[in-house]
């Protein structure tokens, strides 16, 4: 997993509340289970018409926000089903950070587990970030300092679970985090078990 430390990018404004995972990644594409290559299906019904042509009015199809790495979303972003393809598709689009007043609980966890930073901002601070995004301005996200800095140098502070923050900073997924925190204890257990129950470790051939 790629470490997340500091990110500067224009931010896509998507202020509607309750954008669920079916909007982010439509159910008809759930047959696709690979992690890479799902970006073209993100927000598919919003981005494309029935002939597969881009809808010019959709924000991700506008030149100003193409290639943005930050999304400023509305309340309860990522609610709905637990499909992990939703954050996979957003990450494949190039997004690394989503800012919102709140998130669907499972979606938020899936973001953290896939190297994407979900930032919760209270309403006044979120309104400032959204206004900056709508103006096409760049935001700077610093995970070390837990800040979002606007183009006019306004600093917005956010909180994040300490363990999740460390995992993002070091680019470690859940398994790597367990190895970091409990690797020595796991190795010691295996050594004791191998001594007491050697048949478990015998070569079956």
N, C-alpha and C. Protein backbone atom coordinates (compact mmCIF):
# COMPACT_ATOMS: atom_id res chain seq x y z
N UNK A 1 0.84 -1.18 0.00
CA UNK A 1 0.00 0.00 0.00
C UNK A 1 0.89 1.24 0.00
N UNK A 2 0.57 2.21 -0.83
CA UNK A 2 1.38 3.42 -0.95
C UNK A 2 1.19 4.30 0.27
N UNK A 3 2.30 4.75 0.92
CA UNK A 3 2.16 5.62 2.09
C UNK A 3 1.45 6.93 1.74
N UNK A 4 0.72 7.45 2.71
CA UNK A 4 0.06 8.74 2.57
C UNK A 4 0.68 9.68 3.58
N UNK A 5 1.32 10.74 3.10
CA UNK A 5 1.91 11.71 4.01
C UNK A 5 1.33 13.10 3.77
N UNK A 6 1.57 13.63 2.57
CA UNK A 6 1.10 14.98 2.24
C UNK A 6 0.61 14.98 0.79
N UNK A 7 -0.50 15.62 0.55
CA UNK A 7 -1.12 15.61 -0.76
C UNK A 7 -1.63 17.00 -1.10
N UNK A 8 -1.28 17.49 -2.29
CA UNK A 8 -1.81 18.77 -2.77
C UNK A 8 -2.46 18.53 -4.12
N UNK A 9 -3.73 18.95 -4.24
CA UNK A 9 -4.47 18.70 -5.47
C UNK A 9 -5.70 19.59 -5.50
N UNK A 10 -6.20 19.88 -6.71
CA UNK A 10 -7.54 20.43 -6.81
C UNK A 10 -8.49 19.39 -6.24
N UNK A 11 -9.65 19.83 -5.78
CA UNK A 11 -10.60 18.93 -5.14
C UNK A 11 -11.92 18.94 -5.90
N UNK A 12 -12.46 17.77 -6.15
CA UNK A 12 -13.74 17.63 -6.84
C UNK A 12 -14.87 17.96 -5.86
N UNK A 13 -15.74 18.92 -6.18
CA UNK A 13 -16.89 19.18 -5.30
C UNK A 13 -18.07 18.28 -5.65
N UNK A 14 -18.58 17.58 -4.66
CA UNK A 14 -19.73 16.70 -4.85
C UNK A 14 -20.62 16.83 -3.61
N UNK A 15 -21.36 17.94 -3.49
CA UNK A 15 -22.01 18.30 -2.23
C UNK A 15 -23.26 17.52 -1.86
N UNK A 16 -23.83 16.74 -2.77
CA UNK A 16 -25.07 16.03 -2.45
C UNK A 16 -24.87 15.08 -1.27
N UNK A 17 -25.86 15.04 -0.38
CA UNK A 17 -25.81 14.13 0.76
C UNK A 17 -26.25 12.73 0.34
N UNK A 18 -25.84 11.74 1.12
CA UNK A 18 -26.31 10.35 0.98
C UNK A 18 -25.96 9.73 -0.37
N UNK A 19 -24.81 10.05 -0.92
CA UNK A 19 -24.34 9.35 -2.12
C UNK A 19 -23.90 7.96 -1.68
N UNK A 20 -24.66 6.95 -2.09
CA UNK A 20 -24.40 5.61 -1.57
C UNK A 20 -23.45 4.83 -2.47
N UNK A 21 -23.11 3.63 -2.01
CA UNK A 21 -22.12 2.82 -2.74
C UNK A 21 -22.66 2.31 -4.06
N UNK A 22 -23.99 2.27 -4.22
CA UNK A 22 -24.55 1.86 -5.50
C UNK A 22 -24.40 2.96 -6.55
N UNK A 23 -24.39 4.21 -6.11
CA UNK A 23 -24.09 5.32 -7.01
C UNK A 23 -22.61 5.32 -7.35
N UNK A 24 -21.79 5.09 -6.33
CA UNK A 24 -20.33 5.09 -6.54
C UNK A 24 -19.91 3.93 -7.44
N UNK A 25 -20.46 2.76 -7.19
CA UNK A 25 -20.13 1.58 -8.00
C UNK A 25 -21.40 0.76 -8.20
N UNK A 26 -22.09 0.94 -9.34
CA UNK A 26 -23.40 0.31 -9.56
C UNK A 26 -23.36 -1.21 -9.41
N UNK A 27 -24.47 -1.73 -8.89
CA UNK A 27 -24.56 -3.16 -8.57
C UNK A 27 -24.33 -4.05 -9.78
N UNK A 28 -24.69 -3.58 -10.98
CA UNK A 28 -24.55 -4.45 -12.15
C UNK A 28 -23.10 -4.76 -12.49
N UNK A 29 -22.17 -4.03 -11.87
CA UNK A 29 -20.75 -4.30 -12.12
C UNK A 29 -20.10 -5.13 -11.02
N UNK A 30 -20.90 -5.62 -10.08
CA UNK A 30 -20.33 -6.37 -8.96
C UNK A 30 -19.72 -7.71 -9.38
N UNK A 31 -19.98 -8.13 -10.61
CA UNK A 31 -19.32 -9.35 -11.11
C UNK A 31 -17.83 -9.10 -11.29
N UNK A 32 -17.42 -7.84 -11.32
CA UNK A 32 -15.99 -7.50 -11.43
C UNK A 32 -15.40 -7.49 -10.02
N UNK A 33 -14.51 -8.40 -9.76
CA UNK A 33 -13.97 -8.55 -8.41
C UNK A 33 -12.48 -8.23 -8.31
N UNK A 34 -11.86 -7.89 -9.43
CA UNK A 34 -10.45 -7.52 -9.36
C UNK A 34 -10.33 -6.12 -8.77
N UNK A 35 -9.23 -5.87 -8.10
CA UNK A 35 -9.05 -4.58 -7.42
C UNK A 35 -8.65 -3.48 -8.39
N UNK A 36 -7.84 -3.80 -9.36
CA UNK A 36 -7.35 -2.79 -10.31
C UNK A 36 -8.29 -2.68 -11.50
N UNK A 37 -8.32 -1.49 -12.08
CA UNK A 37 -9.05 -1.29 -13.32
C UNK A 37 -10.53 -0.97 -13.17
N UNK A 38 -10.98 -0.62 -11.96
CA UNK A 38 -12.40 -0.37 -11.75
C UNK A 38 -12.76 1.11 -11.91
N UNK A 39 -11.78 1.97 -12.11
CA UNK A 39 -12.04 3.40 -12.24
C UNK A 39 -13.08 3.76 -13.28
N UNK A 40 -13.07 3.13 -14.46
CA UNK A 40 -14.06 3.48 -15.49
C UNK A 40 -15.51 3.26 -15.06
N UNK A 41 -15.74 2.46 -14.01
CA UNK A 41 -17.09 2.16 -13.58
C UNK A 41 -17.56 3.03 -12.42
N UNK A 42 -16.67 3.85 -11.87
CA UNK A 42 -17.04 4.71 -10.76
C UNK A 42 -18.06 5.76 -11.22
N UNK A 43 -19.14 5.91 -10.47
CA UNK A 43 -20.21 6.88 -10.79
C UNK A 43 -20.72 6.68 -12.23
N UNK A 44 -20.76 5.45 -12.67
CA UNK A 44 -21.01 5.18 -14.09
C UNK A 44 -22.29 5.82 -14.60
N UNK A 45 -23.38 5.67 -13.85
CA UNK A 45 -24.66 6.20 -14.33
C UNK A 45 -24.65 7.73 -14.37
N UNK A 46 -23.85 8.34 -13.52
CA UNK A 46 -23.74 9.80 -13.49
C UNK A 46 -22.80 10.30 -14.58
N UNK A 47 -21.76 9.54 -14.86
CA UNK A 47 -20.72 9.99 -15.80
C UNK A 47 -21.09 9.78 -17.25
N UNK A 48 -21.89 8.72 -17.53
CA UNK A 48 -22.14 8.34 -18.92
C UNK A 48 -23.63 8.20 -19.20
N UNK A 49 -24.01 8.45 -20.46
CA UNK A 49 -25.40 8.26 -20.85
C UNK A 49 -25.60 6.82 -21.33
N UNK A 50 -26.79 6.53 -21.87
CA UNK A 50 -27.13 5.16 -22.27
C UNK A 50 -26.25 4.64 -23.41
N UNK A 51 -25.64 5.53 -24.16
CA UNK A 51 -24.74 5.14 -25.25
C UNK A 51 -23.28 5.11 -24.82
N UNK A 52 -23.04 5.33 -23.53
CA UNK A 52 -21.67 5.31 -23.02
C UNK A 52 -20.91 6.59 -23.27
N UNK A 53 -21.60 7.65 -23.64
CA UNK A 53 -20.95 8.95 -23.87
C UNK A 53 -20.92 9.75 -22.57
N UNK A 54 -19.86 10.51 -22.38
CA UNK A 54 -19.73 11.31 -21.17
C UNK A 54 -20.85 12.34 -21.06
N UNK A 55 -21.38 12.49 -19.85
CA UNK A 55 -22.33 13.56 -19.58
C UNK A 55 -21.53 14.81 -19.21
N UNK A 56 -21.59 15.82 -20.04
CA UNK A 56 -20.74 17.00 -19.86
C UNK A 56 -21.03 17.74 -18.57
N UNK A 57 -22.26 17.58 -18.04
CA UNK A 57 -22.63 18.32 -16.84
C UNK A 57 -22.08 17.69 -15.56
N UNK A 58 -21.63 16.44 -15.62
CA UNK A 58 -21.14 15.78 -14.41
C UNK A 58 -19.75 16.28 -14.06
N UNK A 59 -19.54 16.54 -12.78
CA UNK A 59 -18.33 17.24 -12.34
C UNK A 59 -17.04 16.53 -12.74
N UNK A 60 -17.03 15.21 -12.70
CA UNK A 60 -15.79 14.49 -13.01
C UNK A 60 -15.44 14.55 -14.50
N UNK A 61 -16.40 14.98 -15.32
CA UNK A 61 -16.14 15.10 -16.75
C UNK A 61 -15.73 16.52 -17.15
N UNK A 62 -15.60 17.41 -16.21
CA UNK A 62 -15.22 18.78 -16.51
C UNK A 62 -13.71 18.94 -16.41
N UNK A 63 -13.14 19.68 -17.31
CA UNK A 63 -11.69 19.79 -17.42
C UNK A 63 -11.03 20.23 -16.12
N UNK A 64 -11.69 21.13 -15.40
CA UNK A 64 -11.10 21.70 -14.19
C UNK A 64 -10.79 20.63 -13.15
N UNK A 65 -11.61 19.57 -13.11
CA UNK A 65 -11.47 18.58 -12.05
C UNK A 65 -10.98 17.21 -12.53
N UNK A 66 -10.66 17.09 -13.79
CA UNK A 66 -10.11 15.81 -14.26
C UNK A 66 -8.76 15.56 -13.58
N UNK A 67 -8.57 14.36 -13.11
CA UNK A 67 -7.30 14.01 -12.49
C UNK A 67 -7.15 14.46 -11.06
N UNK A 68 -8.20 15.00 -10.45
CA UNK A 68 -8.12 15.43 -9.06
C UNK A 68 -7.88 14.24 -8.14
N UNK A 69 -7.15 14.48 -7.07
CA UNK A 69 -6.84 13.42 -6.11
C UNK A 69 -7.63 13.56 -4.82
N UNK A 70 -8.42 14.63 -4.70
CA UNK A 70 -9.22 14.90 -3.50
C UNK A 70 -10.67 15.09 -3.91
N UNK A 71 -11.57 14.56 -3.11
CA UNK A 71 -13.00 14.74 -3.32
C UNK A 71 -13.61 15.36 -2.07
N UNK A 72 -14.35 16.45 -2.25
CA UNK A 72 -15.09 17.04 -1.12
C UNK A 72 -16.56 16.67 -1.32
N UNK A 73 -17.04 15.78 -0.48
CA UNK A 73 -18.37 15.19 -0.64
C UNK A 73 -19.34 15.73 0.39
N UNK A 74 -20.63 15.39 0.19
CA UNK A 74 -21.66 15.77 1.13
C UNK A 74 -21.77 14.79 2.28
N UNK A 75 -22.74 15.04 3.15
CA UNK A 75 -22.92 14.22 4.35
C UNK A 75 -23.25 12.77 4.01
N UNK A 76 -22.78 11.87 4.87
CA UNK A 76 -23.11 10.44 4.78
C UNK A 76 -22.63 9.82 3.47
N UNK A 77 -21.50 10.25 2.99
CA UNK A 77 -20.94 9.72 1.75
C UNK A 77 -20.55 8.26 1.94
N UNK A 78 -20.91 7.43 0.95
CA UNK A 78 -20.54 6.01 1.01
C UNK A 78 -21.47 5.18 1.88
N UNK A 79 -22.68 5.67 2.12
CA UNK A 79 -23.65 4.87 2.86
C UNK A 79 -24.12 3.72 1.96
N UNK A 80 -24.94 2.85 2.51
CA UNK A 80 -25.45 1.74 1.70
C UNK A 80 -24.69 0.45 1.92
N UNK A 81 -24.56 -0.35 0.88
CA UNK A 81 -23.97 -1.68 1.01
C UNK A 81 -22.47 -1.60 1.30
N UNK A 82 -21.94 -2.74 1.69
CA UNK A 82 -20.54 -2.78 2.11
C UNK A 82 -19.55 -3.04 0.98
N UNK A 83 -19.99 -3.00 -0.27
CA UNK A 83 -19.14 -3.41 -1.39
C UNK A 83 -17.79 -2.68 -1.39
N UNK A 84 -16.73 -3.47 -1.35
CA UNK A 84 -15.38 -2.89 -1.33
C UNK A 84 -14.98 -2.35 -2.69
N UNK A 85 -15.70 -2.73 -3.73
CA UNK A 85 -15.41 -2.19 -5.06
C UNK A 85 -15.57 -0.68 -5.10
N UNK A 86 -16.39 -0.11 -4.22
CA UNK A 86 -16.60 1.35 -4.23
C UNK A 86 -15.30 2.10 -3.97
N UNK A 87 -14.60 1.86 -2.86
CA UNK A 87 -13.32 2.54 -2.69
C UNK A 87 -12.26 2.10 -3.69
N UNK A 88 -12.31 0.84 -4.15
CA UNK A 88 -11.36 0.40 -5.17
C UNK A 88 -11.52 1.24 -6.43
N UNK A 89 -12.77 1.47 -6.83
CA UNK A 89 -13.03 2.24 -8.05
C UNK A 89 -12.58 3.69 -7.89
N UNK A 90 -12.85 4.27 -6.73
CA UNK A 90 -12.43 5.66 -6.49
C UNK A 90 -10.91 5.77 -6.49
N UNK A 91 -10.25 4.81 -5.87
CA UNK A 91 -8.79 4.82 -5.86
C UNK A 91 -8.23 4.67 -7.26
N UNK A 92 -8.89 3.85 -8.07
CA UNK A 92 -8.43 3.65 -9.44
C UNK A 92 -8.63 4.90 -10.28
N UNK A 93 -9.56 5.77 -9.87
CA UNK A 93 -9.72 7.07 -10.52
C UNK A 93 -8.58 8.02 -10.19
N UNK A 94 -7.84 7.69 -9.13
CA UNK A 94 -6.75 8.55 -8.69
C UNK A 94 -7.04 9.30 -7.42
N UNK A 95 -8.20 9.06 -6.81
CA UNK A 95 -8.53 9.73 -5.56
C UNK A 95 -7.76 9.10 -4.40
N UNK A 96 -7.24 9.96 -3.53
CA UNK A 96 -6.52 9.47 -2.35
C UNK A 96 -7.10 10.01 -1.06
N UNK A 97 -7.99 10.99 -1.17
CA UNK A 97 -8.56 11.61 0.02
C UNK A 97 -9.99 12.05 -0.26
N UNK A 98 -10.88 11.78 0.69
CA UNK A 98 -12.27 12.22 0.60
C UNK A 98 -12.60 13.01 1.86
N UNK A 99 -13.13 14.20 1.68
CA UNK A 99 -13.49 15.07 2.80
C UNK A 99 -15.00 15.18 2.85
N UNK A 100 -15.60 14.94 4.01
CA UNK A 100 -17.05 15.00 4.15
C UNK A 100 -17.42 15.23 5.61
N UNK A 101 -18.66 15.64 5.88
CA UNK A 101 -19.09 15.75 7.28
C UNK A 101 -19.21 14.38 7.96
N UNK A 102 -19.43 13.34 7.17
CA UNK A 102 -19.55 12.00 7.72
C UNK A 102 -19.60 10.98 6.59
N UNK A 103 -19.37 9.71 6.96
CA UNK A 103 -19.29 8.63 5.98
C UNK A 103 -20.11 7.43 6.42
N UNK A 104 -20.47 6.58 5.47
CA UNK A 104 -20.96 5.26 5.83
C UNK A 104 -19.85 4.54 6.58
N UNK A 105 -20.20 3.88 7.66
CA UNK A 105 -19.18 3.30 8.55
C UNK A 105 -18.30 2.27 7.85
N UNK A 106 -18.90 1.35 7.12
CA UNK A 106 -18.12 0.31 6.45
C UNK A 106 -17.30 0.91 5.32
N UNK A 107 -17.88 1.84 4.58
CA UNK A 107 -17.15 2.50 3.50
C UNK A 107 -15.91 3.21 4.05
N UNK A 108 -16.06 3.89 5.17
CA UNK A 108 -14.93 4.60 5.78
C UNK A 108 -13.81 3.62 6.14
N UNK A 109 -14.18 2.49 6.73
CA UNK A 109 -13.18 1.48 7.08
C UNK A 109 -12.51 0.92 5.83
N UNK A 110 -13.29 0.68 4.78
CA UNK A 110 -12.73 0.17 3.54
C UNK A 110 -11.75 1.16 2.91
N UNK A 111 -12.06 2.44 3.01
CA UNK A 111 -11.12 3.46 2.51
C UNK A 111 -9.79 3.35 3.23
N UNK A 112 -9.84 3.33 4.55
CA UNK A 112 -8.61 3.26 5.35
C UNK A 112 -7.81 2.00 5.03
N UNK A 113 -8.52 0.89 4.80
CA UNK A 113 -7.84 -0.38 4.52
C UNK A 113 -7.25 -0.43 3.12
N UNK A 114 -7.60 0.55 2.28
CA UNK A 114 -7.11 0.56 0.91
C UNK A 114 -6.29 1.81 0.60
N UNK A 115 -5.75 2.44 1.63
CA UNK A 115 -4.81 3.54 1.43
C UNK A 115 -5.43 4.87 1.09
N UNK A 116 -6.75 5.02 1.30
CA UNK A 116 -7.42 6.28 1.01
C UNK A 116 -7.81 6.94 2.33
N UNK A 117 -7.57 8.24 2.43
CA UNK A 117 -7.81 8.96 3.68
C UNK A 117 -9.20 9.60 3.69
N UNK A 118 -10.12 9.13 4.57
CA UNK A 118 -11.41 9.81 4.74
C UNK A 118 -11.28 10.83 5.87
N UNK A 119 -11.61 12.08 5.59
CA UNK A 119 -11.49 13.15 6.58
C UNK A 119 -12.88 13.65 6.93
N UNK A 120 -13.21 13.64 8.21
CA UNK A 120 -14.46 14.20 8.69
C UNK A 120 -14.22 15.64 9.15
N UNK A 121 -15.00 16.57 8.60
CA UNK A 121 -14.93 17.96 9.02
C UNK A 121 -16.31 18.40 9.50
N UNK A 122 -16.32 19.17 10.57
CA UNK A 122 -17.58 19.75 11.05
C UNK A 122 -18.14 20.70 9.99
N UNK A 123 -19.42 20.99 10.10
CA UNK A 123 -20.11 21.76 9.05
C UNK A 123 -19.42 23.07 8.66
N UNK A 124 -19.00 23.93 9.59
CA UNK A 124 -18.38 25.19 9.16
C UNK A 124 -17.09 24.98 8.38
N UNK A 125 -16.24 24.06 8.84
CA UNK A 125 -14.98 23.79 8.15
C UNK A 125 -15.23 23.09 6.82
N UNK A 126 -16.19 22.18 6.81
CA UNK A 126 -16.51 21.49 5.56
C UNK A 126 -17.00 22.48 4.52
N UNK A 127 -17.80 23.46 4.93
CA UNK A 127 -18.31 24.47 4.00
C UNK A 127 -17.17 25.25 3.36
N UNK A 128 -16.12 25.54 4.13
CA UNK A 128 -14.96 26.24 3.58
C UNK A 128 -14.24 25.38 2.55
N UNK A 129 -14.05 24.10 2.88
CA UNK A 129 -13.38 23.19 1.95
C UNK A 129 -14.19 23.01 0.68
N UNK A 130 -15.51 22.92 0.82
CA UNK A 130 -16.38 22.75 -0.34
C UNK A 130 -16.35 23.98 -1.23
N UNK A 131 -16.37 25.16 -0.63
CA UNK A 131 -16.31 26.40 -1.42
C UNK A 131 -15.01 26.49 -2.19
N UNK A 132 -13.92 26.07 -1.57
CA UNK A 132 -12.63 26.08 -2.25
C UNK A 132 -12.63 25.10 -3.42
N UNK A 133 -13.23 23.93 -3.20
CA UNK A 133 -13.30 22.94 -4.27
C UNK A 133 -14.15 23.45 -5.43
N UNK A 134 -15.28 24.06 -5.12
CA UNK A 134 -16.14 24.59 -6.17
C UNK A 134 -15.48 25.71 -6.97
N UNK A 135 -14.53 26.40 -6.34
CA UNK A 135 -13.79 27.46 -7.02
C UNK A 135 -12.60 26.92 -7.81
N UNK A 136 -12.40 25.61 -7.74
CA UNK A 136 -11.30 25.00 -8.48
C UNK A 136 -9.95 25.18 -7.83
N UNK A 137 -9.95 25.48 -6.54
CA UNK A 137 -8.69 25.73 -5.85
C UNK A 137 -8.07 24.43 -5.35
N UNK A 138 -6.78 24.46 -5.15
CA UNK A 138 -6.07 23.29 -4.63
C UNK A 138 -6.15 23.27 -3.11
N UNK A 139 -6.26 22.08 -2.56
CA UNK A 139 -6.19 21.86 -1.12
C UNK A 139 -4.92 21.09 -0.81
N UNK A 140 -4.36 21.32 0.36
CA UNK A 140 -3.19 20.58 0.80
C UNK A 140 -3.54 19.80 2.05
N UNK A 141 -3.43 18.49 1.97
CA UNK A 141 -3.75 17.62 3.10
C UNK A 141 -2.43 17.10 3.68
N UNK A 142 -2.23 17.32 4.96
CA UNK A 142 -1.02 16.88 5.65
C UNK A 142 -1.43 15.92 6.75
N UNK A 143 -1.14 14.64 6.56
CA UNK A 143 -1.55 13.64 7.55
C UNK A 143 -0.66 13.68 8.78
N UNK A 144 0.59 14.10 8.62
CA UNK A 144 1.46 14.24 9.79
C UNK A 144 0.87 15.25 10.76
N UNK A 145 0.45 16.39 10.23
CA UNK A 145 -0.08 17.46 11.07
C UNK A 145 -1.58 17.38 11.27
N UNK A 146 -2.26 16.49 10.52
CA UNK A 146 -3.72 16.36 10.54
C UNK A 146 -4.38 17.69 10.21
N UNK A 147 -3.98 18.26 9.07
CA UNK A 147 -4.52 19.54 8.64
C UNK A 147 -4.91 19.50 7.16
N UNK A 148 -5.88 20.34 6.82
CA UNK A 148 -6.21 20.64 5.44
C UNK A 148 -6.01 22.14 5.27
N UNK A 149 -5.14 22.53 4.35
CA UNK A 149 -4.84 23.94 4.14
C UNK A 149 -5.43 24.41 2.83
N UNK A 150 -6.19 25.50 2.89
CA UNK A 150 -6.84 26.05 1.71
C UNK A 150 -5.89 26.99 0.99
N UNK A 151 -6.29 27.41 -0.20
CA UNK A 151 -5.44 28.27 -1.02
C UNK A 151 -5.13 29.61 -0.34
N UNK A 152 -6.04 30.08 0.53
CA UNK A 152 -5.80 31.35 1.22
C UNK A 152 -5.08 31.15 2.55
N UNK A 153 -4.50 29.95 2.74
CA UNK A 153 -3.74 29.58 3.94
C UNK A 153 -4.60 29.34 5.17
N UNK A 154 -5.91 29.27 5.01
CA UNK A 154 -6.76 28.84 6.11
C UNK A 154 -6.46 27.38 6.43
N UNK A 155 -6.28 27.08 7.71
CA UNK A 155 -5.93 25.72 8.13
C UNK A 155 -7.12 25.09 8.85
N UNK A 156 -7.54 23.94 8.36
CA UNK A 156 -8.63 23.17 8.96
C UNK A 156 -8.03 21.92 9.59
N UNK A 157 -8.36 21.67 10.83
CA UNK A 157 -7.78 20.52 11.53
C UNK A 157 -8.79 19.38 11.62
N UNK A 158 -8.28 18.17 11.54
CA UNK A 158 -9.15 17.00 11.61
C UNK A 158 -8.54 15.95 12.54
N UNK A 159 -9.39 15.06 13.01
CA UNK A 159 -8.95 13.96 13.84
C UNK A 159 -9.01 12.64 13.10
N UNK A 160 -8.20 11.69 13.54
CA UNK A 160 -8.19 10.36 12.94
C UNK A 160 -7.66 9.38 13.97
N UNK A 161 -8.18 8.19 13.95
CA UNK A 161 -7.71 7.14 14.84
C UNK A 161 -6.20 6.97 14.70
N UNK A 162 -5.49 6.88 15.82
CA UNK A 162 -4.03 6.84 15.80
C UNK A 162 -3.49 5.64 15.03
N UNK A 163 -4.14 4.50 15.19
CA UNK A 163 -3.67 3.30 14.50
C UNK A 163 -3.87 3.43 13.00
N UNK A 164 -5.02 3.95 12.58
CA UNK A 164 -5.30 4.13 11.15
C UNK A 164 -4.33 5.15 10.56
N UNK A 165 -4.06 6.21 11.30
CA UNK A 165 -3.13 7.24 10.83
C UNK A 165 -1.74 6.65 10.59
N UNK A 166 -1.25 5.86 11.54
CA UNK A 166 0.08 5.25 11.40
C UNK A 166 0.12 4.30 10.21
N UNK A 167 -0.95 3.53 10.03
CA UNK A 167 -0.98 2.59 8.91
C UNK A 167 -0.91 3.33 7.57
N UNK A 168 -1.63 4.44 7.45
CA UNK A 168 -1.57 5.22 6.22
C UNK A 168 -0.21 5.86 6.03
N UNK A 169 0.35 6.41 7.08
CA UNK A 169 1.66 7.05 6.97
C UNK A 169 2.73 6.06 6.53
N UNK A 170 2.62 4.83 7.01
CA UNK A 170 3.63 3.82 6.71
C UNK A 170 3.24 2.95 5.51
N UNK A 171 2.03 3.16 4.98
CA UNK A 171 1.61 2.37 3.83
C UNK A 171 1.39 0.91 4.15
N UNK A 172 0.82 0.64 5.32
CA UNK A 172 0.62 -0.74 5.74
C UNK A 172 -0.86 -1.10 5.74
N UNK A 173 -1.19 -2.25 5.14
CA UNK A 173 -2.56 -2.73 5.22
C UNK A 173 -2.77 -3.45 6.55
N UNK A 174 -3.95 -4.05 6.75
CA UNK A 174 -4.28 -4.67 8.04
C UNK A 174 -3.31 -5.79 8.40
N UNK A 175 -2.99 -6.62 7.43
CA UNK A 175 -2.09 -7.75 7.71
C UNK A 175 -0.71 -7.25 8.10
N UNK A 176 -0.22 -6.26 7.38
CA UNK A 176 1.09 -5.69 7.71
C UNK A 176 1.05 -5.02 9.07
N UNK A 177 -0.07 -4.40 9.41
CA UNK A 177 -0.20 -3.78 10.73
C UNK A 177 -0.15 -4.81 11.84
N UNK A 178 -0.81 -5.94 11.64
CA UNK A 178 -0.77 -7.01 12.64
C UNK A 178 0.65 -7.55 12.79
N UNK A 179 1.34 -7.69 11.68
CA UNK A 179 2.73 -8.17 11.75
C UNK A 179 3.61 -7.18 12.50
N UNK A 180 3.34 -5.88 12.29
CA UNK A 180 4.13 -4.86 12.98
C UNK A 180 3.88 -4.90 14.48
N UNK A 181 2.61 -5.00 14.87
CA UNK A 181 2.26 -4.90 16.27
C UNK A 181 2.47 -6.21 17.03
N UNK A 182 2.25 -7.34 16.34
CA UNK A 182 2.27 -8.62 17.06
C UNK A 182 3.22 -9.63 16.44
N UNK A 183 4.10 -9.18 15.55
CA UNK A 183 4.99 -10.11 14.87
C UNK A 183 5.85 -10.93 15.81
N UNK A 184 6.42 -10.29 16.82
CA UNK A 184 7.29 -11.00 17.77
C UNK A 184 6.49 -12.02 18.57
N UNK A 185 5.29 -11.65 19.00
CA UNK A 185 4.46 -12.58 19.77
C UNK A 185 4.01 -13.76 18.91
N UNK A 186 3.69 -13.52 17.65
CA UNK A 186 3.30 -14.60 16.74
C UNK A 186 4.46 -15.57 16.52
N UNK A 187 5.66 -15.01 16.30
CA UNK A 187 6.84 -15.86 16.09
C UNK A 187 7.13 -16.70 17.33
N UNK A 188 7.00 -16.11 18.51
CA UNK A 188 7.24 -16.85 19.75
C UNK A 188 6.22 -17.97 19.93
N UNK A 189 4.96 -17.69 19.62
CA UNK A 189 3.92 -18.72 19.70
C UNK A 189 4.23 -19.87 18.76
N UNK A 190 4.60 -19.54 17.52
CA UNK A 190 4.90 -20.60 16.55
C UNK A 190 6.08 -21.45 16.98
N UNK A 191 7.07 -20.81 17.59
CA UNK A 191 8.24 -21.56 18.06
C UNK A 191 7.83 -22.54 19.16
N UNK A 192 6.99 -22.08 20.11
CA UNK A 192 6.53 -22.97 21.19
C UNK A 192 5.67 -24.09 20.63
N UNK A 193 4.80 -23.74 19.69
CA UNK A 193 3.92 -24.76 19.12
C UNK A 193 4.73 -25.81 18.35
N UNK A 194 5.73 -25.36 17.62
CA UNK A 194 6.55 -26.31 16.84
C UNK A 194 7.29 -27.26 17.77
N UNK A 195 7.66 -26.76 18.94
CA UNK A 195 8.37 -27.61 19.90
C UNK A 195 7.42 -28.62 20.53
N UNK A 196 6.20 -28.18 20.83
CA UNK A 196 5.24 -29.04 21.53
C UNK A 196 4.45 -29.93 20.57
N UNK A 197 4.21 -29.46 19.37
CA UNK A 197 3.41 -30.21 18.39
C UNK A 197 4.13 -30.25 17.04
N UNK A 198 5.28 -30.91 17.01
CA UNK A 198 6.10 -30.88 15.78
C UNK A 198 5.41 -31.48 14.57
N UNK A 199 4.43 -32.40 14.80
CA UNK A 199 3.75 -33.02 13.67
C UNK A 199 2.95 -32.02 12.83
N UNK A 200 2.59 -30.89 13.41
CA UNK A 200 1.87 -29.87 12.66
C UNK A 200 2.77 -29.24 11.59
N UNK A 201 4.05 -29.33 11.80
CA UNK A 201 5.01 -28.68 10.89
C UNK A 201 5.75 -29.69 10.03
N UNK A 202 5.38 -30.96 10.12
CA UNK A 202 6.06 -32.01 9.35
C UNK A 202 5.75 -31.86 7.88
N UNK A 203 6.71 -32.16 7.03
CA UNK A 203 6.53 -32.12 5.59
C UNK A 203 5.66 -33.31 5.17
N UNK A 204 4.46 -33.06 4.63
CA UNK A 204 3.54 -34.17 4.29
C UNK A 204 4.09 -35.09 3.21
N UNK A 205 5.10 -34.67 2.48
CA UNK A 205 5.66 -35.52 1.44
C UNK A 205 6.70 -36.45 2.04
